[in-house]
PDB file of N, CA and C in Angstrom:
ATOM      1  N   MET A   1      -8.969  10.990   5.355  1.00  0.00           N
ATOM      2  CA  MET A   1      -9.685  10.213   4.360  1.00  0.00           C
ATOM      3  C   MET A   1      -8.890  10.233   3.053  1.00  0.00           C
ATOM      4  N   SER A   2      -8.779   9.081   2.434  1.00  0.00           N
ATOM      5  CA  SER A   2      -8.025   8.965   1.188  1.00  0.00           C
ATOM      6  C   SER A   2      -8.814   9.520   0.010  1.00  0.00           C
ATOM      7  N   LYS A   3      -8.090  10.111  -0.899  1.00  0.00           N
ATOM      8  CA  LYS A   3      -8.719  10.575  -2.128  1.00  0.00           C
ATOM      9  C   LYS A   3      -8.748   9.414  -3.112  1.00  0.00           C
ATOM     10  N   THR A   4      -9.763   9.426  -3.972  1.00  0.00           N
ATOM     11  CA  THR A   4      -9.904   8.353  -4.954  1.00  0.00           C
ATOM     12  C   THR A   4     -10.105   8.935  -6.345  1.00  0.00           C
ATOM     13  N   TYR A   5      -9.928   8.077  -7.330  1.00  0.00           N
ATOM     14  CA  TYR A   5     -10.179   8.424  -8.724  1.00  0.00           C
ATOM     15  C   TYR A   5     -10.907   7.247  -9.351  1.00  0.00           C
ATOM     16  N   THR A   6     -11.988   7.507 -10.052  1.00  0.00           N
ATOM     17  CA  THR A   6     -12.732   6.468 -10.752  1.00  0.00           C
ATOM     18  C   THR A   6     -12.343   6.509 -12.223  1.00  0.00           C
ATOM     19  N   THR A   7     -11.871   5.374 -12.717  1.00  0.00           N
ATOM     20  CA  THR A   7     -11.358   5.321 -14.081  1.00  0.00           C
ATOM     21  C   THR A   7     -12.456   5.480 -15.125  1.00  0.00           C
ATOM     22  N   VAL A   8     -12.029   5.965 -16.281  1.00  0.00           N
ATOM     23  CA  VAL A   8     -12.881   5.993 -17.459  1.00  0.00           C
ATOM     24  C   VAL A   8     -12.238   5.081 -18.490  1.00  0.00           C
ATOM     25  N   GLN A   9     -13.037   4.568 -19.385  1.00  0.00           N
ATOM     26  CA  GLN A   9     -12.547   3.653 -20.411  1.00  0.00           C
ATOM     27  C   GLN A   9     -11.331   4.254 -21.121  1.00  0.00           C
ATOM     28  N   GLY A  10     -10.242   3.498 -21.161  1.00  0.00           N
ATOM     29  CA  GLY A  10      -9.045   3.936 -21.872  1.00  0.00           C
ATOM     30  C   GLY A  10      -7.974   4.553 -20.993  1.00  0.00           C
ATOM     31  N   ASP A  11      -8.259   4.779 -19.699  1.00  0.00           N
ATOM     32  CA  ASP A  11      -7.239   5.307 -18.801  1.00  0.00           C
ATOM     33  C   ASP A  11      -6.059   4.341 -18.720  1.00  0.00           C
ATOM     34  N   THR A  12      -4.865   4.891 -18.526  1.00  0.00           N
ATOM     35  CA  THR A  12      -3.657   4.101 -18.303  1.00  0.00           C
ATOM     36  C   THR A  12      -3.001   4.598 -17.015  1.00  0.00           C
ATOM     37  N   TRP A  13      -2.108   3.788 -16.454  1.00  0.00           N
ATOM     38  CA  TRP A  13      -1.440   4.163 -15.215  1.00  0.00           C
ATOM     39  C   TRP A  13      -0.711   5.494 -15.359  1.00  0.00           C
ATOM     40  N   ASP A  14       0.084   5.621 -16.410  1.00  0.00           N
ATOM     41  CA  ASP A  14       0.856   6.854 -16.571  1.00  0.00           C
ATOM     42  C   ASP A  14      -0.045   8.042 -16.884  1.00  0.00           C
ATOM     43  N   GLY A  15      -1.101   7.809 -17.607  1.00  0.00           N
ATOM     44  CA  GLY A  15      -2.052   8.876 -17.905  1.00  0.00           C
ATOM     45  C   GLY A  15      -2.745   9.396 -16.661  1.00  0.00           C
ATOM     46  N   ILE A  16      -3.117   8.498 -15.779  1.00  0.00           N
ATOM     47  CA  ILE A  16      -3.754   8.894 -14.522  1.00  0.00           C
ATOM     48  C   ILE A  16      -2.756   9.651 -13.645  1.00  0.00           C
ATOM     49  N   ALA A  17      -1.528   9.135 -13.562  1.00  0.00           N
ATOM     50  CA  ALA A  17      -0.502   9.809 -12.757  1.00  0.00           C
ATOM     51  C   ALA A  17      -0.282  11.232 -13.251  1.00  0.00           C
ATOM     52  N   TYR A  18      -0.246  11.416 -14.558  1.00  0.00           N
ATOM     53  CA  TYR A  18      -0.030  12.754 -15.105  1.00  0.00           C
ATOM     54  C   TYR A  18      -1.255  13.647 -14.912  1.00  0.00           C
ATOM     55  N   LYS A  19      -2.418  13.117 -15.281  1.00  0.00           N
ATOM     56  CA  LYS A  19      -3.652  13.910 -15.250  1.00  0.00           C
ATOM     57  C   LYS A  19      -4.089  14.279 -13.834  1.00  0.00           C
ATOM     58  N   ILE A  20      -3.991  13.350 -12.904  1.00  0.00           N
ATOM     59  CA  ILE A  20      -4.514  13.568 -11.558  1.00  0.00           C
ATOM     60  C   ILE A  20      -3.430  14.008 -10.572  1.00  0.00           C
ATOM     61  N   LEU A  21      -2.233  13.439 -10.693  1.00  0.00           N
ATOM     62  CA  LEU A  21      -1.172  13.727  -9.726  1.00  0.00           C
ATOM     63  C   LEU A  21      -0.147  14.732 -10.240  1.00  0.00           C
ATOM     64  N   GLY A  22      -0.227  15.072 -11.533  1.00  0.00           N
ATOM     65  CA  GLY A  22       0.627  16.128 -12.064  1.00  0.00           C
ATOM     66  C   GLY A  22       1.916  15.700 -12.719  1.00  0.00           C
ATOM     67  N   ASP A  23       2.302  14.426 -12.608  1.00  0.00           N
ATOM     68  CA  ASP A  23       3.554  13.989 -13.201  1.00  0.00           C
ATOM     69  C   ASP A  23       3.562  12.463 -13.288  1.00  0.00           C
ATOM     70  N   GLU A  24       4.141  11.945 -14.373  1.00  0.00           N
ATOM     71  CA  GLU A  24       4.221  10.495 -14.544  1.00  0.00           C
ATOM     72  C   GLU A  24       5.113   9.842 -13.505  1.00  0.00           C
ATOM     73  N   LYS A  25       5.990  10.622 -12.863  1.00  0.00           N
ATOM     74  CA  LYS A  25       6.904  10.040 -11.881  1.00  0.00           C
ATOM     75  C   LYS A  25       6.160   9.467 -10.675  1.00  0.00           C
ATOM     76  N   HIS A  26       4.882   9.799 -10.497  1.00  0.00           N
ATOM     77  CA  HIS A  26       4.085   9.271  -9.390  1.00  0.00           C
ATOM     78  C   HIS A  26       3.431   7.931  -9.733  1.00  0.00           C
ATOM     79  N   LEU A  27       3.750   7.409 -10.895  1.00  0.00           N
ATOM     80  CA  LEU A  27       3.199   6.143 -11.372  1.00  0.00           C
ATOM     81  C   LEU A  27       3.448   5.001 -10.389  1.00  0.00           C
ATOM     82  N   THR A  28       4.667   4.866  -9.905  1.00  0.00           N
ATOM     83  CA  THR A  28       5.009   3.766  -9.004  1.00  0.00           C
ATOM     84  C   THR A  28       4.215   3.845  -7.714  1.00  0.00           C
ATOM     85  N   ALA A  29       4.111   5.029  -7.131  1.00  0.00           N
ATOM     86  CA  ALA A  29       3.336   5.195  -5.892  1.00  0.00           C
ATOM     87  C   ALA A  29       1.867   4.843  -6.126  1.00  0.00           C
ATOM     88  N   LEU A  30       1.337   5.258  -7.263  1.00  0.00           N
ATOM     89  CA  LEU A  30      -0.058   4.954  -7.606  1.00  0.00           C
ATOM     90  C   LEU A  30      -0.270   3.454  -7.756  1.00  0.00           C
ATOM     91  N   MET A  31       0.637   2.787  -8.466  1.00  0.00           N
ATOM     92  CA  MET A  31       0.507   1.343  -8.675  1.00  0.00           C
ATOM     93  C   MET A  31       0.676   0.570  -7.367  1.00  0.00           C
ATOM     94  N   ASN A  32       1.624   0.974  -6.532  1.00  0.00           N
ATOM     95  CA  ASN A  32       1.841   0.278  -5.260  1.00  0.00           C
ATOM     96  C   ASN A  32       0.635   0.379  -4.347  1.00  0.00           C
ATOM     97  N   LEU A  33      -0.048   1.491  -4.391  1.00  0.00           N
ATOM     98  CA  LEU A  33      -1.223   1.697  -3.547  1.00  0.00           C
ATOM     99  C   LEU A  33      -2.450   0.933  -4.064  1.00  0.00           C
ATOM    100  N   ASN A  34      -2.433   0.574  -5.342  1.00  0.00           N
ATOM    101  CA  ASN A  34      -3.560  -0.126  -5.978  1.00  0.00           C
ATOM    102  C   ASN A  34      -3.090  -1.431  -6.600  1.00  0.00           C
ATOM    103  N   PHE A  35      -2.320  -2.201  -5.830  1.00  0.00           N
ATOM    104  CA  PHE A  35      -1.644  -3.388  -6.330  1.00  0.00           C
ATOM    105  C   PHE A  35      -2.590  -4.418  -6.946  1.00  0.00           C
ATOM    106  N   LYS A  36      -3.794  -4.519  -6.442  1.00  0.00           N
ATOM    107  CA  LYS A  36      -4.717  -5.540  -6.957  1.00  0.00           C
ATOM    108  C   LYS A  36      -5.156  -5.268  -8.398  1.00  0.00           C
ATOM    109  N   TYR A  37      -4.914  -4.057  -8.901  1.00  0.00           N
ATOM    110  CA  TYR A  37      -5.277  -3.724 -10.277  1.00  0.00           C
ATOM    111  C   TYR A  37      -4.069  -3.716 -11.217  1.00  0.00           C
ATOM    112  N   ARG A  38      -2.937  -4.248 -10.769  1.00  0.00           N
ATOM    113  CA  ARG A  38      -1.693  -4.198 -11.537  1.00  0.00           C
ATOM    114  C   ARG A  38      -1.789  -4.877 -12.896  1.00  0.00           C
ATOM    115  N   LYS A  39      -2.729  -5.793 -13.065  1.00  0.00           N
ATOM    116  CA  LYS A  39      -2.855  -6.511 -14.340  1.00  0.00           C
ATOM    117  C   LYS A  39      -3.384  -5.622 -15.465  1.00  0.00           C
ATOM    118  N   TYR A  40      -3.985  -4.508 -15.122  1.00  0.00           N
ATOM    119  CA  TYR A  40      -4.538  -3.625 -16.146  1.00  0.00           C
ATOM    120  C   TYR A  40      -3.448  -2.754 -16.763  1.00  0.00           C
ATOM    121  N   VAL A  41      -3.467  -2.677 -18.072  1.00  0.00           N
ATOM    122  CA  VAL A  41      -2.623  -1.738 -18.807  1.00  0.00           C
ATOM    123  C   VAL A  41      -3.520  -0.589 -19.249  1.00  0.00           C
ATOM    124  N   ILE A  42      -4.672  -0.951 -19.794  1.00  0.00           N
ATOM    125  CA  ILE A  42      -5.704   0.015 -20.167  1.00  0.00           C
ATOM    126  C   ILE A  42      -6.941  -0.323 -19.333  1.00  0.00           C
ATOM    127  N   PHE A  43      -7.385   0.653 -18.574  1.00  0.00           N
ATOM    128  CA  PHE A  43      -8.486   0.420 -17.641  1.00  0.00           C
ATOM    129  C   PHE A  43      -9.854   0.472 -18.319  1.00  0.00           C
ATOM    130  N   PRO A  44     -10.785  -0.355 -17.819  1.00  0.00           N
ATOM    131  CA  PRO A  44     -12.190  -0.167 -18.172  1.00  0.00           C
ATOM    132  C   PRO A  44     -12.732   0.954 -17.284  1.00  0.00           C
ATOM    133  N   SER A  45     -13.923   1.372 -17.526  1.00  0.00           N
ATOM    134  CA  SER A  45     -14.507   2.424 -16.683  1.00  0.00           C
ATOM    135  C   SER A  45     -15.006   1.834 -15.369  1.00  0.00           C
ATOM    136  N   GLY A  46     -15.012   2.665 -14.338  1.00  0.00           N
ATOM    137  CA  GLY A  46     -15.638   2.286 -13.080  1.00  0.00           C
ATOM    138  C   GLY A  46     -14.745   1.711 -12.000  1.00  0.00           C
ATOM    139  N   ILE A  47     -13.437   1.601 -12.214  1.00  0.00           N
ATOM    140  CA  ILE A  47     -12.552   1.096 -11.166  1.00  0.00           C
ATOM    141  C   ILE A  47     -12.152   2.274 -10.282  1.00  0.00           C
ATOM    142  N   VAL A  48     -12.315   2.100  -8.985  1.00  0.00           N
ATOM    143  CA  VAL A  48     -11.989   3.169  -8.042  1.00  0.00           C
ATOM    144  C   VAL A  48     -10.576   2.935  -7.511  1.00  0.00           C
ATOM    145  N   LEU A  49      -9.685   3.863  -7.831  1.00  0.00           N
ATOM    146  CA  LEU A  49      -8.297   3.786  -7.390  1.00  0.00           C
ATOM    147  C   LEU A  49      -8.075   4.738  -6.227  1.00  0.00           C
ATOM    148  N   THR A  50      -7.260   4.318  -5.278  1.00  0.00           N
ATOM    149  CA  THR A  50      -6.859   5.180  -4.175  1.00  0.00           C
ATOM    150  C   THR A  50      -5.641   5.972  -4.630  1.00  0.00           C
ATOM    151  N   LEU A  51      -5.663   7.269  -4.381  1.00  0.00           N
ATOM    152  CA  LEU A  51      -4.569   8.136  -4.802  1.00  0.00           C
ATOM    153  C   LEU A  51      -3.563   8.315  -3.676  1.00  0.00           C
ATOM    154  N   PRO A  52      -2.265   8.284  -4.000  1.00  0.00           N
ATOM    155  CA  PRO A  52      -1.259   8.516  -2.965  1.00  0.00           C
ATOM    156  C   PRO A  52      -1.216   9.983  -2.564  1.00  0.00           C
ATOM    157  N   GLU A  53      -0.753  10.237  -1.348  1.00  0.00           N
ATOM    158  CA  GLU A  53      -0.549  11.608  -0.883  1.00  0.00           C
ATOM    159  C   GLU A  53       0.733  12.112  -1.542  1.00  0.00           C
ATOM    160  N   ILE A  54       0.621  13.141  -2.344  1.00  0.00           N
ATOM    161  CA  ILE A  54       1.766  13.703  -3.051  1.00  0.00           C
ATOM    162  C   ILE A  54       2.023  15.103  -2.504  1.00  0.00           C
ATOM    163  N   GLU A  55       3.258  15.337  -2.079  1.00  0.00           N
ATOM    164  CA  GLU A  55       3.634  16.658  -1.588  1.00  0.00           C
ATOM    165  C   GLU A  55       4.006  17.523  -2.783  1.00  0.00           C
ATOM    166  N   VAL A  56       3.325  18.628  -2.920  1.00  0.00           N
ATOM    167  CA  VAL A  56       3.569  19.536  -4.039  1.00  0.00           C
ATOM    168  C   VAL A  56       4.554  20.595  -3.582  1.00  0.00           C
ATOM    169  N   SER A  57       5.644  20.703  -4.316  1.00  0.00           N
ATOM    170  CA  SER A  57       6.665  21.688  -3.997  1.00  0.00           C
ATOM    171  C   SER A  57       6.695  22.752  -5.080  1.00  0.00           C
ATOM    172  N   THR A  58       6.521  23.991  -4.684  1.00  0.00           N
ATOM    173  CA  THR A  58       6.574  25.075  -5.664  1.00  0.00           C
ATOM    174  C   THR A  58       8.006  25.383  -6.069  1.00  0.00           C
ATOM    175  N   ASP A  59       8.976  24.989  -5.255  1.00  0.00           N
ATOM    176  CA  ASP A  59      10.381  25.223  -5.586  1.00  0.00           C
ATOM    177  C   ASP A  59      10.781  24.473  -6.847  1.00  0.00           C
ATOM    178  N   SER A  60      10.332  23.225  -6.997  1.00  0.00           N
ATOM    179  CA  SER A  60      10.695  22.453  -8.183  1.00  0.00           C
ATOM    180  C   SER A  60      10.119  23.094  -9.440  1.00  0.00           C
ATOM    181  N   TYR A  61       8.964  23.729  -9.324  1.00  0.00           N
ATOM    182  CA  TYR A  61       8.382  24.429 -10.466  1.00  0.00           C
ATOM    183  C   TYR A  61       9.274  25.597 -10.871  1.00  0.00           C
ATOM    184  N   LYS A  62       9.721  26.342  -9.883  1.00  0.00           N
ATOM    185  CA  LYS A  62      10.575  27.492 -10.166  1.00  0.00           C
ATOM    186  C   LYS A  62      11.913  27.072 -10.757  1.00  0.00           C
ATOM    187  N   GLU A  63      12.429  25.925 -10.340  1.00  0.00           N
ATOM    188  CA  GLU A  63      13.709  25.447 -10.862  1.00  0.00           C
ATOM    189  C   GLU A  63      13.632  25.116 -12.343  1.00  0.00           C
ATOM    190  N   LYS A  64      12.481  24.757 -12.828  1.00  0.00           N
ATOM    191  CA  LYS A  64      12.310  24.404 -14.237  1.00  0.00           C
ATOM    192  C   LYS A  64      12.224  25.639 -15.130  1.00  0.00           C
ATOM    193  N   LEU A  65      11.957  26.790 -14.541  1.00  0.00           N
ATOM    194  CA  LEU A  65      11.837  28.017 -15.328  1.00  0.00           C
ATOM    195  C   LEU A  65      13.217  28.554 -15.677  1.00  0.00           C
ATOM    196  N   PRO A  66      13.332  29.217 -16.821  1.00  0.00           N
ATOM    197  CA  PRO A  66      14.603  29.887 -17.137  1.00  0.00           C
ATOM    198  C   PRO A  66      14.859  31.000 -16.138  1.00  0.00           C
ATOM    199  N   PRO A  67      16.116  31.380 -15.948  1.00  0.00           N
ATOM    200  CA  PRO A  67      16.461  32.364 -14.913  1.00  0.00           C
ATOM    201  C   PRO A  67      15.691  33.674 -14.997  1.00  0.00           C
ATOM    202  N   TRP A  68      15.366  34.142 -16.187  1.00  0.00           N
ATOM    203  CA  TRP A  68      14.673  35.412 -16.326  1.00  0.00           C
ATOM    204  C   TRP A  68      13.189  35.343 -15.954  1.00  0.00           C
ATOM    205  N   LYS A  69      12.663  34.151 -15.702  1.00  0.00           N
ATOM    206  CA  LYS A  69      11.260  34.013 -15.301  1.00  0.00           C
ATOM    207  C   LYS A  69      11.107  33.635 -13.826  1.00  0.00           C
ATOM    208  N   ARG A  70      12.187  33.461 -13.101  1.00  0.00           N
ATOM    209  CA  ARG A  70      12.101  33.040 -11.699  1.00  0.00           C
ATOM    210  C   ARG A  70      11.714  34.143 -10.810  1.00  0.00           C
TER     211      ARG A  70
END
């Protein structure tokens, strides 16, 4: 079953990608999955978006840390 997110007034594509998916880099996947809403820059409340399946890698988190914190 797909996960969804219901927008609140003022949401943006990049804001949703960061807040829900953890990084703005997932913006394209989010937009491609919800193509019919592409005209929105700032969302009204109540639009249900389907969220892409994002693989979370703990290795990339560790790579961002300085060597003394790994």
